[in-house]
PDB file of N, CA and C in Angstrom:
ATOM      1  N   MET A   1     -50.298 -23.108  -3.164  1.00  0.00           N
ATOM      2  CA  MET A   1     -49.497 -22.797  -4.321  1.00  0.00           C
ATOM      3  C   MET A   1     -48.429 -21.648  -3.928  1.00  0.00           C
ATOM      4  N   GLY A   2     -48.766 -20.800  -2.837  1.00  0.00           N
ATOM      5  CA  GLY A   2     -47.934 -19.823  -2.439  1.00  0.00           C
ATOM      6  C   GLY A   2     -46.642 -20.454  -1.955  1.00  0.00           C
ATOM      7  N   PHE A   3     -46.759 -21.475  -1.164  1.00  0.00           N
ATOM      8  CA  PHE A   3     -45.632 -22.174  -0.568  1.00  0.00           C
ATOM      9  C   PHE A   3     -44.664 -22.646  -1.666  1.00  0.00           C
ATOM     10  N   ILE A   4     -45.232 -23.264  -2.688  1.00  0.00           N
ATOM     11  CA  ILE A   4     -44.368 -23.753  -3.900  1.00  0.00           C
ATOM     12  C   ILE A   4     -43.632 -22.661  -4.527  1.00  0.00           C
ATOM     13  N   TRP A   5     -44.298 -21.458  -4.632  1.00  0.00           N
ATOM     14  CA  TRP A   5     -43.638 -20.352  -5.217  1.00  0.00           C
ATOM     15  C   TRP A   5     -42.527 -19.845  -4.436  1.00  0.00           C
ATOM     16  N   THR A   6     -42.852 -19.852  -3.176  1.00  0.00           N
ATOM     17  CA  THR A   6     -41.808 -19.396  -2.070  1.00  0.00           C
ATOM     18  C   THR A   6     -40.497 -20.256  -2.184  1.00  0.00           C
ATOM     19  N   VAL A   7     -40.690 -21.528  -2.271  1.00  0.00           N
ATOM     20  CA  VAL A   7     -39.627 -22.496  -2.524  1.00  0.00           C
ATOM     21  C   VAL A   7     -38.879 -22.298  -3.817  1.00  0.00           C
ATOM     22  N   ILE A   8     -39.574 -22.091  -4.837  1.00  0.00           N
ATOM     23  CA  ILE A   8     -38.994 -21.824  -6.068  1.00  0.00           C
ATOM     24  C   ILE A   8     -38.129 -20.579  -6.258  1.00  0.00           C
ATOM     25  N   VAL A   9     -38.790 -19.473  -5.807  1.00  0.00           N
ATOM     26  CA  VAL A   9     -38.010 -18.164  -5.773  1.00  0.00           C
ATOM     27  C   VAL A   9     -36.877 -18.265  -4.789  1.00  0.00           C
ATOM     28  N   GLY A  10     -37.107 -18.857  -3.513  1.00  0.00           N
ATOM     29  CA  GLY A  10     -35.994 -18.983  -2.544  1.00  0.00           C
ATOM     30  C   GLY A  10     -34.857 -19.725  -3.140  1.00  0.00           C
ATOM     31  N   PHE A  11     -35.018 -20.706  -3.968  1.00  0.00           N
ATOM     32  CA  PHE A  11     -33.989 -21.493  -4.568  1.00  0.00           C
ATOM     33  C   PHE A  11     -33.265 -20.619  -5.557  1.00  0.00           C
ATOM     34  N   ILE A  12     -34.074 -19.993  -6.418  1.00  0.00           N
ATOM     35  CA  ILE A  12     -33.352 -19.123  -7.450  1.00  0.00           C
ATOM     36  C   ILE A  12     -32.551 -18.031  -6.625  1.00  0.00           C
ATOM     37  N   VAL A  13     -33.029 -17.319  -5.830  1.00  0.00           N
ATOM     38  CA  VAL A  13     -32.358 -16.377  -5.161  1.00  0.00           C
ATOM     39  C   VAL A  13     -31.020 -16.953  -4.338  1.00  0.00           C
ATOM     40  N   GLY A  14     -31.277 -18.176  -3.837  1.00  0.00           N
ATOM     41  CA  GLY A  14     -30.137 -18.731  -3.114  1.00  0.00           C
ATOM     42  C   GLY A  14     -28.987 -19.177  -4.041  1.00  0.00           C
ATOM     43  N   VAL A  15     -29.443 -19.636  -5.344  1.00  0.00           N
ATOM     44  CA  VAL A  15     -28.338 -20.017  -6.352  1.00  0.00           C
ATOM     45  C   VAL A  15     -27.606 -18.850  -6.866  1.00  0.00           C
ATOM     46  N   ILE A  16     -28.393 -17.704  -6.980  1.00  0.00           N
ATOM     47  CA  ILE A  16     -27.721 -16.482  -7.551  1.00  0.00           C
ATOM     48  C   ILE A  16     -26.892 -15.880  -6.495  1.00  0.00           C
ATOM     49  N   ALA A  17     -27.279 -16.038  -5.241  1.00  0.00           N
ATOM     50  CA  ALA A  17     -26.286 -15.432  -4.225  1.00  0.00           C
ATOM     51  C   ALA A  17     -25.047 -16.346  -4.092  1.00  0.00           C
ATOM     52  N   LYS A  18     -25.151 -17.702  -4.282  1.00  0.00           N
ATOM     53  CA  LYS A  18     -24.106 -18.592  -4.313  1.00  0.00           C
ATOM     54  C   LYS A  18     -23.057 -18.257  -5.550  1.00  0.00           C
ATOM     55  N   LEU A  19     -23.744 -17.849  -6.691  1.00  0.00           N
ATOM     56  CA  LEU A  19     -22.813 -17.664  -7.914  1.00  0.00           C
ATOM     57  C   LEU A  19     -22.110 -16.310  -7.775  1.00  0.00           C
ATOM     58  N   ILE A  20     -22.651 -15.463  -7.050  1.00  0.00           N
ATOM     59  CA  ILE A  20     -21.925 -14.083  -6.899  1.00  0.00           C
ATOM     60  C   ILE A  20     -20.883 -14.193  -5.784  1.00  0.00           C
ATOM     61  N   ASN A  21     -21.045 -14.981  -4.779  1.00  0.00           N
ATOM     62  CA  ASN A  21     -19.995 -15.167  -3.597  1.00  0.00           C
ATOM     63  C   ASN A  21     -18.905 -16.030  -4.296  1.00  0.00           C
ATOM     64  N   PRO A  22     -17.693 -15.394  -4.053  1.00  0.00           N
ATOM     65  CA  PRO A  22     -16.429 -16.229  -4.405  1.00  0.00           C
ATOM     66  C   PRO A  22     -16.226 -17.311  -3.471  1.00  0.00           C
ATOM     67  N   GLY A  23     -15.689 -18.441  -4.032  1.00  0.00           N
ATOM     68  CA  GLY A  23     -15.433 -19.551  -3.130  1.00  0.00           C
ATOM     69  C   GLY A  23     -16.404 -20.717  -3.274  1.00  0.00           C
ATOM     70  N   LYS A  24     -16.174 -21.733  -2.520  1.00  0.00           N
ATOM     71  CA  LYS A  24     -16.851 -22.973  -2.685  1.00  0.00           C
ATOM     72  C   LYS A  24     -17.703 -23.053  -1.391  1.00  0.00           C
ATOM     73  N   GLU A  25     -18.933 -23.196  -1.509  1.00  0.00           N
ATOM     74  CA  GLU A  25     -19.829 -23.488  -0.413  1.00  0.00           C
ATOM     75  C   GLU A  25     -20.357 -25.012  -0.494  1.00  0.00           C
ATOM     76  N   ASN A  26     -20.316 -25.815   0.443  1.00  0.00           N
ATOM     77  CA  ASN A  26     -20.839 -27.146   0.408  1.00  0.00           C
ATOM     78  C   ASN A  26     -22.308 -27.050   0.906  1.00  0.00           C
ATOM     79  N   MET A  27     -23.189 -26.452   0.108  1.00  0.00           N
ATOM     80  CA  MET A  27     -24.623 -26.390   0.491  1.00  0.00           C
ATOM     81  C   MET A  27     -25.406 -27.249  -0.567  1.00  0.00           C
ATOM     82  N   GLY A  28     -26.316 -27.992  -0.028  1.00  0.00           N
ATOM     83  CA  GLY A  28     -27.227 -28.768  -0.940  1.00  0.00           C
ATOM     84  C   GLY A  28     -28.416 -27.982  -1.369  1.00  0.00           C
ATOM     85  N   PHE A  29     -29.361 -28.645  -1.909  1.00  0.00           N
ATOM     86  CA  PHE A  29     -30.643 -28.017  -2.374  1.00  0.00           C
ATOM     87  C   PHE A  29     -31.406 -27.356  -1.224  1.00  0.00           C
ATOM     88  N   ILE A  30     -31.504 -27.966  -0.113  1.00  0.00           N
ATOM     89  CA  ILE A  30     -32.301 -27.508   1.003  1.00  0.00           C
ATOM     90  C   ILE A  30     -31.650 -26.349   1.671  1.00  0.00           C
ATOM     91  N   LEU A  31     -30.395 -26.320   1.883  1.00  0.00           N
ATOM     92  CA  LEU A  31     -29.726 -25.171   2.453  1.00  0.00           C
ATOM     93  C   LEU A  31     -29.710 -23.839   1.443  1.00  0.00           C
ATOM     94  N   THR A  32     -29.533 -24.182   0.178  1.00  0.00           N
ATOM     95  CA  THR A  32     -29.570 -23.159  -0.780  1.00  0.00           C
ATOM     96  C   THR A  32     -30.973 -22.474  -0.877  1.00  0.00           C
ATOM     97  N   THR A  33     -32.052 -23.270  -0.744  1.00  0.00           N
ATOM     98  CA  THR A  33     -33.370 -22.787  -0.669  1.00  0.00           C
ATOM     99  C   THR A  33     -33.550 -21.913   0.652  1.00  0.00           C
ATOM    100  N   LEU A  34     -33.233 -22.514   1.752  1.00  0.00           N
ATOM    101  CA  LEU A  34     -33.496 -21.822   2.927  1.00  0.00           C
ATOM    102  C   LEU A  34     -32.679 -20.444   2.879  1.00  0.00           C
ATOM    103  N   LEU A  35     -31.480 -20.462   2.370  1.00  0.00           N
ATOM    104  CA  LEU A  35     -30.641 -19.170   2.125  1.00  0.00           C
ATOM    105  C   LEU A  35     -31.474 -18.128   1.483  1.00  0.00           C
ATOM    106  N   GLY A  36     -32.061 -18.572   0.294  1.00  0.00           N
ATOM    107  CA  GLY A  36     -32.811 -17.650  -0.516  1.00  0.00           C
ATOM    108  C   GLY A  36     -34.014 -17.224   0.166  1.00  0.00           C
ATOM    109  N   ILE A  37     -34.776 -18.147   0.846  1.00  0.00           N
ATOM    110  CA  ILE A  37     -35.977 -17.639   1.525  1.00  0.00           C
ATOM    111  C   ILE A  37     -35.657 -16.804   2.685  1.00  0.00           C
ATOM    112  N   GLY A  38     -34.558 -17.159   3.474  1.00  0.00           N
ATOM    113  CA  GLY A  38     -34.061 -16.207   4.605  1.00  0.00           C
ATOM    114  C   GLY A  38     -33.779 -14.862   4.083  1.00  0.00           C
ATOM    115  N   GLY A  39     -33.038 -14.878   2.935  1.00  0.00           N
ATOM    116  CA  GLY A  39     -32.689 -13.440   2.309  1.00  0.00           C
ATOM    117  C   GLY A  39     -33.867 -12.685   1.929  1.00  0.00           C
ATOM    118  N   SER A  40     -34.847 -13.296   1.385  1.00  0.00           N
ATOM    119  CA  SER A  40     -36.072 -12.680   0.955  1.00  0.00           C
ATOM    120  C   SER A  40     -36.897 -12.147   2.011  1.00  0.00           C
ATOM    121  N   LEU A  41     -37.022 -13.006   3.151  1.00  0.00           N
ATOM    122  CA  LEU A  41     -37.766 -12.525   4.474  1.00  0.00           C
ATOM    123  C   LEU A  41     -36.906 -11.346   5.136  1.00  0.00           C
ATOM    124  N   LEU A  42     -35.569 -11.598   5.301  1.00  0.00           N
ATOM    125  CA  LEU A  42     -34.819 -10.337   5.967  1.00  0.00           C
ATOM    126  C   LEU A  42     -34.837  -9.203   5.129  1.00  0.00           C
ATOM    127  N   ALA A  43     -34.829  -9.172   3.896  1.00  0.00           N
ATOM    128  CA  ALA A  43     -34.890  -8.002   2.898  1.00  0.00           C
ATOM    129  C   ALA A  43     -36.269  -7.372   3.050  1.00  0.00           C
ATOM    130  N   GLY A  44     -37.296  -8.153   3.188  1.00  0.00           N
ATOM    131  CA  GLY A  44     -38.660  -7.581   3.487  1.00  0.00           C
ATOM    132  C   GLY A  44     -38.733  -6.921   4.748  1.00  0.00           C
ATOM    133  N   TYR A  45     -38.272  -7.473   5.819  1.00  0.00           N
ATOM    134  CA  TYR A  45     -38.254  -6.740   7.091  1.00  0.00           C
ATOM    135  C   TYR A  45     -37.359  -5.497   7.051  1.00  0.00           C
ATOM    136  N   ILE A  46     -36.167  -5.543   6.560  1.00  0.00           N
ATOM    137  CA  ILE A  46     -35.436  -4.368   6.421  1.00  0.00           C
ATOM    138  C   ILE A  46     -36.018  -3.255   5.670  1.00  0.00           C
ATOM    139  N   GLY A  47     -36.631  -3.697   4.568  1.00  0.00           N
ATOM    140  CA  GLY A  47     -37.305  -2.682   3.567  1.00  0.00           C
ATOM    141  C   GLY A  47     -38.513  -2.124   4.303  1.00  0.00           C
ATOM    142  N   GLN A  48     -39.134  -2.890   5.097  1.00  0.00           N
ATOM    143  CA  GLN A  48     -40.392  -2.233   5.906  1.00  0.00           C
ATOM    144  C   GLN A  48     -39.893  -1.291   6.879  1.00  0.00           C
ATOM    145  N   ALA A  49     -38.661  -1.593   7.546  1.00  0.00           N
ATOM    146  CA  ALA A  49     -38.124  -0.816   8.654  1.00  0.00           C
ATOM    147  C   ALA A  49     -37.624   0.539   8.015  1.00  0.00           C
ATOM    148  N   VAL A  50     -37.053   0.521   6.790  1.00  0.00           N
ATOM    149  CA  VAL A  50     -36.560   1.661   6.103  1.00  0.00           C
ATOM    150  C   VAL A  50     -37.662   2.476   5.407  1.00  0.00           C
ATOM    151  N   GLY A  51     -38.843   1.816   5.108  1.00  0.00           N
ATOM    152  CA  GLY A  51     -39.910   2.426   4.461  1.00  0.00           C
ATOM    153  C   GLY A  51     -40.018   2.269   2.957  1.00  0.00           C
ATOM    154  N   TRP A  52     -39.254   1.177   2.484  1.00  0.00           N
ATOM    155  CA  TRP A  52     -39.274   0.913   1.039  1.00  0.00           C
ATOM    156  C   TRP A  52     -40.621   0.086   0.714  1.00  0.00           C
ATOM    157  N   TYR A  53     -40.947  -0.770   1.710  1.00  0.00           N
ATOM    158  CA  TYR A  53     -42.103  -1.710   1.451  1.00  0.00           C
ATOM    159  C   TYR A  53     -43.121  -1.402   2.479  1.00  0.00           C
ATOM    160  N   HIS A  54     -44.503  -1.711   2.226  1.00  0.00           N
ATOM    161  CA  HIS A  54     -45.500  -1.640   3.262  1.00  0.00           C
ATOM    162  C   HIS A  54     -45.647  -3.090   3.748  1.00  0.00           C
ATOM    163  N   ALA A  55     -46.431  -3.229   5.011  1.00  0.00           N
ATOM    164  CA  ALA A  55     -46.719  -4.411   5.532  1.00  0.00           C
ATOM    165  C   ALA A  55     -47.378  -5.229   4.538  1.00  0.00           C
ATOM    166  N   GLY A  56     -47.044  -6.599   4.445  1.00  0.00           N
ATOM    167  CA  GLY A  56     -47.569  -7.504   3.564  1.00  0.00           C
ATOM    168  C   GLY A  56     -47.024  -7.562   2.270  1.00  0.00           C
ATOM    169  N   GLU A  57     -46.106  -6.654   2.007  1.00  0.00           N
ATOM    170  CA  GLU A  57     -45.581  -6.515   0.477  1.00  0.00           C
ATOM    171  C   GLU A  57     -44.274  -7.238   0.596  1.00  0.00           C
ATOM    172  N   GLY A  58     -44.006  -8.107  -0.382  1.00  0.00           N
ATOM    173  CA  GLY A  58     -42.785  -8.778  -0.450  1.00  0.00           C
ATOM    174  C   GLY A  58     -41.658  -7.953  -0.881  1.00  0.00           C
ATOM    175  N   ALA A  59     -40.409  -8.439  -0.611  1.00  0.00           N
ATOM    176  CA  ALA A  59     -39.222  -7.642  -1.036  1.00  0.00           C
ATOM    177  C   ALA A  59     -39.002  -7.824  -2.496  1.00  0.00           C
ATOM    178  N   GLY A  60     -38.344  -7.045  -3.020  1.00  0.00           N
ATOM    179  CA  GLY A  60     -37.880  -7.078  -4.455  1.00  0.00           C
ATOM    180  C   GLY A  60     -36.811  -8.158  -4.629  1.00  0.00           C
ATOM    181  N   PHE A  61     -36.773  -8.619  -5.896  1.00  0.00           N
ATOM    182  CA  PHE A  61     -35.802  -9.664  -6.280  1.00  0.00           C
ATOM    183  C   PHE A  61     -34.451  -9.274  -5.905  1.00  0.00           C
ATOM    184  N   ILE A  62     -34.038  -8.120  -6.416  1.00  0.00           N
ATOM    185  CA  ILE A  62     -32.561  -7.754  -6.175  1.00  0.00           C
ATOM    186  C   ILE A  62     -32.268  -7.612  -4.803  1.00  0.00           C
ATOM    187  N   ALA A  63     -33.174  -6.920  -4.092  1.00  0.00           N
ATOM    188  CA  ALA A  63     -32.951  -6.787  -2.580  1.00  0.00           C
ATOM    189  C   ALA A  63     -32.728  -8.210  -1.903  1.00  0.00           C
ATOM    190  N   SER A  64     -33.561  -9.135  -2.285  1.00  0.00           N
ATOM    191  CA  SER A  64     -33.480 -10.531  -1.779  1.00  0.00           C
ATOM    192  C   SER A  64     -32.188 -11.117  -1.989  1.00  0.00           C
ATOM    193  N   VAL A  65     -31.623 -10.920  -3.292  1.00  0.00           N
ATOM    194  CA  VAL A  65     -30.365 -11.530  -3.762  1.00  0.00           C
ATOM    195  C   VAL A  65     -29.166 -10.861  -2.844  1.00  0.00           C
ATOM    196  N   ILE A  66     -29.347  -9.512  -2.709  1.00  0.00           N
ATOM    197  CA  ILE A  66     -28.295  -8.835  -2.007  1.00  0.00           C
ATOM    198  C   ILE A  66     -28.224  -9.381  -0.451  1.00  0.00           C
ATOM    199  N   VAL A  67     -29.372  -9.428   0.116  1.00  0.00           N
ATOM    200  CA  VAL A  67     -29.404  -9.770   1.538  1.00  0.00           C
ATOM    201  C   VAL A  67     -28.980 -11.317   1.632  1.00  0.00           C
ATOM    202  N   ALA A  68     -29.418 -12.157   0.552  1.00  0.00           N
ATOM    203  CA  ALA A  68     -28.895 -13.566   0.761  1.00  0.00           C
ATOM    204  C   ALA A  68     -27.540 -13.613   0.537  1.00  0.00           C
ATOM    205  N   PHE A  69     -26.891 -12.844  -0.355  1.00  0.00           N
ATOM    206  CA  PHE A  69     -25.426 -12.807  -0.397  1.00  0.00           C
ATOM    207  C   PHE A  69     -24.700 -12.436   0.854  1.00  0.00           C
ATOM    208  N   LEU A  70     -25.305 -11.334   1.520  1.00  0.00           N
ATOM    209  CA  LEU A  70     -24.739 -10.950   2.819  1.00  0.00           C
ATOM    210  C   LEU A  70     -24.743 -11.948   3.781  1.00  0.00           C
ATOM    211  N   ILE A  71     -25.746 -12.807   3.975  1.00  0.00           N
ATOM    212  CA  ILE A  71     -26.029 -13.793   4.765  1.00  0.00           C
ATOM    213  C   ILE A  71     -24.851 -14.957   4.535  1.00  0.00           C
ATOM    214  N   LEU A  72     -24.715 -15.203   3.176  1.00  0.00           N
ATOM    215  CA  LEU A  72     -23.669 -16.155   2.764  1.00  0.00           C
ATOM    216  C   LEU A  72     -22.382 -15.778   3.110  1.00  0.00           C
ATOM    217  N   PHE A  73     -22.025 -14.363   2.854  1.00  0.00           N
ATOM    218  CA  PHE A  73     -20.798 -13.910   3.193  1.00  0.00           C
ATOM    219  C   PHE A  73     -20.395 -13.933   4.632  1.00  0.00           C
ATOM    220  N   ILE A  74     -21.365 -13.679   5.456  1.00  0.00           N
ATOM    221  CA  ILE A  74     -21.219 -13.536   6.908  1.00  0.00           C
ATOM    222  C   ILE A  74     -20.987 -15.040   7.439  1.00  0.00           C
ATOM    223  N   TYR A  75     -21.907 -15.942   6.906  1.00  0.00           N
ATOM    224  CA  TYR A  75     -21.638 -17.318   7.206  1.00  0.00           C
ATOM    225  C   TYR A  75     -20.289 -17.839   6.799  1.00  0.00           C
ATOM    226  N   GLY A  76     -19.856 -17.426   5.689  1.00  0.00           N
ATOM    227  CA  GLY A  76     -18.452 -17.845   5.245  1.00  0.00           C
ATOM    228  C   GLY A  76     -17.352 -17.445   6.219  1.00  0.00           C
ATOM    229  N   LYS A  77     -17.462 -16.193   6.722  1.00  0.00           N
ATOM    230  CA  LYS A  77     -16.590 -15.598   7.767  1.00  0.00           C
ATOM    231  C   LYS A  77     -16.597 -16.289   9.012  1.00  0.00           C
ATOM    232  N   VAL A  78     -17.897 -16.750   9.467  1.00  0.00           N
ATOM    233  CA  VAL A  78     -17.957 -17.369  10.798  1.00  0.00           C
ATOM    234  C   VAL A  78     -17.548 -18.802  10.656  1.00  0.00           C
ATOM    235  N   ALA A  79     -17.762 -19.466   9.508  1.00  0.00           N
ATOM    236  CA  ALA A  79     -17.507 -20.788   9.413  1.00  0.00           C
ATOM    237  C   ALA A  79     -15.926 -21.034   9.265  1.00  0.00           C
ATOM    238  N   LYS A  80     -15.215 -20.076   8.816  1.00  0.00           N
ATOM    239  CA  LYS A  80     -13.753 -20.141   8.552  1.00  0.00           C
ATOM    240  C   LYS A  80     -13.043 -20.086   9.882  1.00  0.00           C
ATOM    241  N   LYS A  81     -13.715 -19.399  10.960  1.00  0.00           N
ATOM    242  CA  LYS A  81     -13.026 -19.296  12.209  1.00  0.00           C
ATOM    243  C   LYS A  81     -13.054 -20.560  13.041  1.00  0.00           C
ATOM    244  N   LYS A  82     -13.900 -21.513  12.606  1.00  0.00           N
ATOM    245  CA  LYS A  82     -14.202 -22.679  13.444  1.00  0.00           C
ATOM    246  C   LYS A  82     -13.118 -23.696  12.968  1.00  0.00           C
TER     247      LYS A  82
END
């Protein structure tokens, strides 16, 4: 059941990050979900390094959306150069 919740929350975080980011991204369901899951994982690691979260504790929803937005923004800048 934990995997299903990870996919659902990852998708929601990815969709919100895409809505915040200006421009058009050609990302489907799977890439949007991976974006949200990656944002959540990276937000958790950053939060643990800074001291906001303890080991085993998930990142907050807002932090996950912010990091997913940053990943999408950086991806957009790198993809435009090619």
